[in-house]
Amino acid sequence: MAAKIHCPKLKELSDHLEPLIGRATTVTASKTPNKFKDSCQTARYVGRDGKLAAVCQLDLELAAYLGAALAMVPIGSAQDDIKAGKLSPNLVDAFREVANILAGVLCVDGAPHVRWTDLTSGLAAMPADAKAVIAKPVERIDVHVEVEGYGGGGGGNLTILTAKVA
């Protein structure tokens, strides 16, 4: 029987995000599956065999706020990027680090090891393997994340979807 990629629970995500960005976060379950606009950010995670194991999608807003919080960038920079519809190079770098560290929430004892491999900006640029996992995940968790200090409702949606692995 093939091992299954770990899909985190709500508390695991919350416990992982706060120390990562050094700010309080509020993680709540989404009432319906999250739907993402073309400006979303998609992180891909692969197993030891190099095949796609999981995908993490975030609204541009949440990616900007998480990256800004990690890099200790003022909220205004994050809001400017949100208005522009894309992350600036500074926030892309910071969010890449967030995506990389989020691999830890997928790695638990008894589950296959995964690592972050890349980040795609926008739905159109997303690789076919990521689109396939999004269309038919093994498991998924859909949440809304608020980041303390990042403006009235400074947050957005995050979805983790796992793939079938051999």
Foldseek 3Di string as FASTA:
>chain_A
DDFAFDAFDQVLVQVQLCVQLVFHKDKDFDPDADDEAQQKKKWFKDFPVRDTWKIKIWYLLALLVSLCSNVVNALVQSVVCVVVSYHDPSSVVSSVVVSQSCQVSRDDPPHTRMGIDDMDGGDVPDDPSNVVQVVPFPDKTKIWMATPPNDDSRTTIMMMGTHDDD
